[in-house]
Amino acid sequence: MKQHKVMLGERVLYQAAQLSHAERFAAARRAEGLACHVVPDTTQVNRPARINPLTGKPRRMRAKGDHQDS
């Protein structure tokens, strides 16, 4: 899981899985007068293929935005 951090100097004020939450928290702290900044998590997650137990083959991977509307 990603961990975006809101930093005040070398101190971590807040960690969030979603970048938008960290940015919102940092904006609120800046409004209070704290000079903090957001450090986005840039690590890549390599997940193993999910195997379908019925066929023994990897599940089909869909491209982002490739879904059917019914």
N, C-alpha and C. Protein backbone atom coordinates (compact mmCIF):
# COMPACT_ATOMS: atom_id res chain seq x y z
N MET A 1 0.85 -1.17 0.00
CA MET A 1 0.00 0.00 0.00
C MET A 1 0.90 1.24 0.00
N LYS A 2 0.53 2.21 -0.78
CA LYS A 2 1.32 3.43 -0.86
C LYS A 2 1.22 4.22 0.44
N GLN A 3 2.29 4.93 0.77
CA GLN A 3 2.32 5.77 1.96
C GLN A 3 2.89 7.14 1.57
N HIS A 4 2.01 8.07 1.23
CA HIS A 4 2.41 9.44 0.95
C HIS A 4 2.57 10.13 2.30
N LYS A 5 3.60 10.96 2.42
CA LYS A 5 3.91 11.57 3.71
C LYS A 5 3.81 13.09 3.65
N VAL A 6 3.33 13.68 4.74
CA VAL A 6 3.35 15.13 4.92
C VAL A 6 4.45 15.40 5.92
N MET A 7 5.46 16.16 5.50
CA MET A 7 6.66 16.37 6.30
C MET A 7 6.74 17.81 6.80
N LEU A 8 7.23 17.95 8.02
CA LEU A 8 7.57 19.25 8.59
C LEU A 8 9.03 19.16 8.95
N GLY A 9 9.88 19.63 8.03
CA GLY A 9 11.32 19.44 8.19
C GLY A 9 11.63 17.96 8.01
N GLU A 10 12.19 17.32 9.04
CA GLU A 10 12.50 15.88 9.00
C GLU A 10 11.42 15.05 9.68
N ARG A 11 10.41 15.70 10.24
CA ARG A 11 9.38 15.01 11.01
C ARG A 11 8.16 14.69 10.15
N VAL A 12 7.65 13.47 10.27
CA VAL A 12 6.45 13.07 9.55
C VAL A 12 5.23 13.49 10.37
N LEU A 13 4.39 14.33 9.76
CA LEU A 13 3.17 14.75 10.44
C LEU A 13 2.00 13.81 10.16
N TYR A 14 1.99 13.25 8.93
CA TYR A 14 0.81 12.50 8.49
C TYR A 14 1.22 11.56 7.38
N GLN A 15 0.61 10.37 7.34
CA GLN A 15 0.79 9.42 6.25
C GLN A 15 -0.57 9.06 5.70
N ALA A 16 -0.67 8.98 4.37
CA ALA A 16 -1.94 8.65 3.75
C ALA A 16 -1.72 7.74 2.56
N ALA A 17 -2.66 6.85 2.31
CA ALA A 17 -2.58 5.95 1.16
C ALA A 17 -2.96 6.69 -0.12
N GLN A 18 -3.76 7.74 -0.01
CA GLN A 18 -4.16 8.50 -1.19
C GLN A 18 -3.47 9.85 -1.18
N LEU A 19 -2.86 10.19 -2.32
CA LEU A 19 -2.12 11.45 -2.43
C LEU A 19 -3.02 12.65 -2.19
N SER A 20 -4.27 12.59 -2.63
CA SER A 20 -5.17 13.73 -2.46
C SER A 20 -5.43 14.01 -0.97
N HIS A 21 -5.46 12.96 -0.14
CA HIS A 21 -5.67 13.16 1.29
C HIS A 21 -4.47 13.83 1.92
N ALA A 22 -3.28 13.42 1.52
CA ALA A 22 -2.06 14.04 2.04
C ALA A 22 -1.98 15.51 1.63
N GLU A 23 -2.34 15.79 0.37
CA GLU A 23 -2.30 17.18 -0.10
C GLU A 23 -3.31 18.04 0.64
N ARG A 24 -4.48 17.49 0.92
CA ARG A 24 -5.51 18.24 1.65
C ARG A 24 -5.05 18.53 3.09
N PHE A 25 -4.43 17.52 3.73
CA PHE A 25 -3.92 17.70 5.09
C PHE A 25 -2.82 18.77 5.11
N ALA A 26 -1.92 18.72 4.13
CA ALA A 26 -0.83 19.69 4.05
C ALA A 26 -1.38 21.10 3.83
N ALA A 27 -2.40 21.23 2.99
CA ALA A 27 -3.00 22.55 2.74
C ALA A 27 -3.61 23.12 4.01
N ALA A 28 -4.23 22.26 4.82
CA ALA A 28 -4.83 22.71 6.08
C ALA A 28 -3.75 23.16 7.05
N ARG A 29 -2.62 22.42 7.09
CA ARG A 29 -1.53 22.81 7.99
C ARG A 29 -0.89 24.12 7.53
N ARG A 30 -0.78 24.30 6.20
CA ARG A 30 -0.22 25.56 5.68
C ARG A 30 -1.12 26.74 6.05
N ALA A 31 -2.43 26.52 6.04
CA ALA A 31 -3.37 27.58 6.42
C ALA A 31 -3.21 27.94 7.89
N GLU A 32 -2.73 26.98 8.69
CA GLU A 32 -2.47 27.24 10.11
C GLU A 32 -1.11 27.88 10.34
N GLY A 33 -0.30 27.99 9.26
CA GLY A 33 1.00 28.65 9.39
C GLY A 33 2.18 27.71 9.47
N LEU A 34 1.98 26.41 9.30
CA LEU A 34 3.09 25.46 9.31
C LEU A 34 3.62 25.29 7.88
N ALA A 35 4.93 25.34 7.73
CA ALA A 35 5.55 25.20 6.40
C ALA A 35 5.84 23.73 6.14
N CYS A 36 4.82 22.96 5.79
CA CYS A 36 4.99 21.53 5.54
C CYS A 36 4.88 21.26 4.05
N HIS A 37 5.34 20.07 3.65
CA HIS A 37 5.28 19.68 2.24
C HIS A 37 4.93 18.20 2.13
N VAL A 38 4.44 17.82 0.93
CA VAL A 38 4.02 16.44 0.67
C VAL A 38 5.14 15.72 -0.06
N VAL A 39 5.44 14.50 0.40
CA VAL A 39 6.40 13.63 -0.27
C VAL A 39 5.63 12.43 -0.82
N PRO A 40 5.39 12.38 -2.14
CA PRO A 40 4.63 11.27 -2.70
C PRO A 40 5.45 9.98 -2.67
N ASP A 41 4.77 8.87 -2.50
CA ASP A 41 5.40 7.55 -2.52
C ASP A 41 5.53 7.13 -3.98
N THR A 42 6.76 6.84 -4.42
CA THR A 42 6.99 6.51 -5.82
C THR A 42 7.34 5.04 -6.02
N THR A 43 7.19 4.21 -5.01
CA THR A 43 7.52 2.79 -5.15
C THR A 43 6.50 2.11 -6.06
N GLN A 44 6.98 1.17 -6.85
CA GLN A 44 6.14 0.40 -7.75
C GLN A 44 5.78 -0.92 -7.06
N VAL A 45 4.51 -1.30 -7.10
CA VAL A 45 4.06 -2.54 -6.49
C VAL A 45 4.00 -3.60 -7.58
N ASN A 46 4.78 -4.67 -7.40
CA ASN A 46 4.76 -5.79 -8.33
C ASN A 46 4.00 -6.93 -7.65
N ARG A 47 2.77 -7.11 -8.07
CA ARG A 47 1.94 -8.15 -7.49
C ARG A 47 2.07 -9.43 -8.30
N PRO A 48 2.05 -10.57 -7.64
CA PRO A 48 2.06 -11.82 -8.39
C PRO A 48 0.73 -12.01 -9.12
N ALA A 49 0.77 -12.76 -10.21
CA ALA A 49 -0.45 -13.01 -10.98
C ALA A 49 -1.45 -13.77 -10.13
N ARG A 50 -2.72 -13.40 -10.24
CA ARG A 50 -3.79 -14.12 -9.54
C ARG A 50 -4.20 -15.30 -10.40
N ILE A 51 -4.12 -16.47 -9.83
CA ILE A 51 -4.42 -17.70 -10.56
C ILE A 51 -5.89 -18.07 -10.35
N ASN A 52 -6.58 -18.36 -11.43
CA ASN A 52 -7.96 -18.82 -11.37
C ASN A 52 -7.94 -20.27 -10.90
N PRO A 53 -8.59 -20.59 -9.77
CA PRO A 53 -8.52 -21.95 -9.25
C PRO A 53 -9.22 -22.99 -10.12
N LEU A 54 -10.13 -22.58 -10.98
CA LEU A 54 -10.83 -23.54 -11.84
C LEU A 54 -10.00 -23.95 -13.04
N THR A 55 -9.30 -22.99 -13.63
CA THR A 55 -8.54 -23.29 -14.85
C THR A 55 -7.05 -23.45 -14.59
N GLY A 56 -6.54 -22.90 -13.50
CA GLY A 56 -5.10 -22.95 -13.23
C GLY A 56 -4.32 -21.92 -14.02
N LYS A 57 -5.02 -21.04 -14.75
CA LYS A 57 -4.35 -20.01 -15.55
C LYS A 57 -4.49 -18.67 -14.84
N PRO A 58 -3.60 -17.71 -15.16
CA PRO A 58 -3.73 -16.37 -14.58
C PRO A 58 -5.02 -15.71 -15.02
N ARG A 59 -5.59 -14.91 -14.14
CA ARG A 59 -6.80 -14.17 -14.48
C ARG A 59 -6.46 -13.13 -15.54
N ARG A 60 -7.45 -12.81 -16.37
CA ARG A 60 -7.25 -11.83 -17.44
C ARG A 60 -7.08 -10.45 -16.84
N MET A 61 -6.06 -9.73 -17.28
CA MET A 61 -5.83 -8.37 -16.81
C MET A 61 -6.49 -7.40 -17.78
N ARG A 62 -7.26 -6.47 -17.26
CA ARG A 62 -7.91 -5.46 -18.10
C ARG A 62 -7.10 -4.18 -18.05
N ALA A 63 -7.10 -3.48 -19.15
CA ALA A 63 -6.46 -2.17 -19.19
C ALA A 63 -7.33 -1.19 -18.41
N LYS A 64 -6.71 -0.15 -17.86
CA LYS A 64 -7.48 0.85 -17.13
C LYS A 64 -8.49 1.50 -18.06
N GLY A 65 -9.71 1.65 -17.59
CA GLY A 65 -10.75 2.27 -18.39
C GLY A 65 -11.41 1.32 -19.39
N ASP A 66 -10.97 0.06 -19.39
CA ASP A 66 -11.52 -0.93 -20.32
C ASP A 66 -12.56 -1.76 -19.58
N HIS A 67 -13.78 -1.26 -19.52
CA HIS A 67 -14.85 -2.00 -18.87
C HIS A 67 -16.11 -1.91 -19.73
N GLN A 68 -17.01 -2.84 -19.51
CA GLN A 68 -18.23 -2.86 -20.29
C GLN A 68 -19.37 -2.26 -19.48
N ASP A 69 -20.11 -1.39 -20.11
CA ASP A 69 -21.29 -0.81 -19.47
C ASP A 69 -22.51 -1.58 -19.96
N SER A 70 -23.29 -2.09 -19.01
CA SER A 70 -24.48 -2.82 -19.42
C SER A 70 -25.72 -2.23 -18.82
